[in-house]
């Protein structure tokens, strides 16, 4: 699956040295221009991540942070600052996969993969249909929910890609949890923590749990499995029976989505 964006040959990003923080910052600025999103809306994603990470013994960062700390952190690429960006972390993650009927021989609480989908967009942000929409996420989510026969409203817990605060905000929109352009206002009005109808990144996400490149996607699923089994201890989200993981490559050129559910 891929974006229908037309092919273009002009290259502006690489030749001017745009790196990941700069590209995500351009996307953030465009979102602010198009939808009236505020600088502090992005910052709320980081505050949420550290609040969740404070309860996770595996988290790279277990300290809580405030909105003012995020807003006053050293700049990286305007409007993003240091605390809008996930760290590079050491880490590893592993899963045991198998047919459901065989899995029951080894555990009383096997978790079923209801859907697993990957989609792609153009590598260059400049070539995309809409820089503020990650089409790879939209297409993968649509395919996954269609395969499982689920609606986004049925998801109580989601691990989303928040390597940058803007990527987390876009995920809320592009996964169908909030309306397009409403990510900022949703973060102002809702907690997205325990007690909300949707809990986001109970692990602390990439921002607080950490970003061990190559292990991020599996680590997200490990968190969801523990939550679905009721084994997440202090960070346990009550009543979770269905959950979603969402991971990206680069600035969203690739998106992978998994839908998981408790089977008993």
Foldseek 3Di string as FASTA:
>chain_A
DEAPFDDDDDDDQVVVPNAQVQLLQVLVVVLCVPQVFDLLLLLLLLQLLLPLQLLAPLWPHNDHDDSVCQCPADPDHPPGHPSQAFDADDDAFDDDDDDPVVVVVPDVWDKDFLFKFKYFYDPDCVRHPRSNALVRLLVRLVVRCVSNVHDPLLAAEEEEARNGSSRVLNNCDSNPVDDVSCSSVCSVVDSLAAPDSHNYPSNSHCRIRHPHPPRRQNVRVVVVSCQQVVNSPPSRRPPGFKYKYWDADRSNRMIMMIIMGIDD
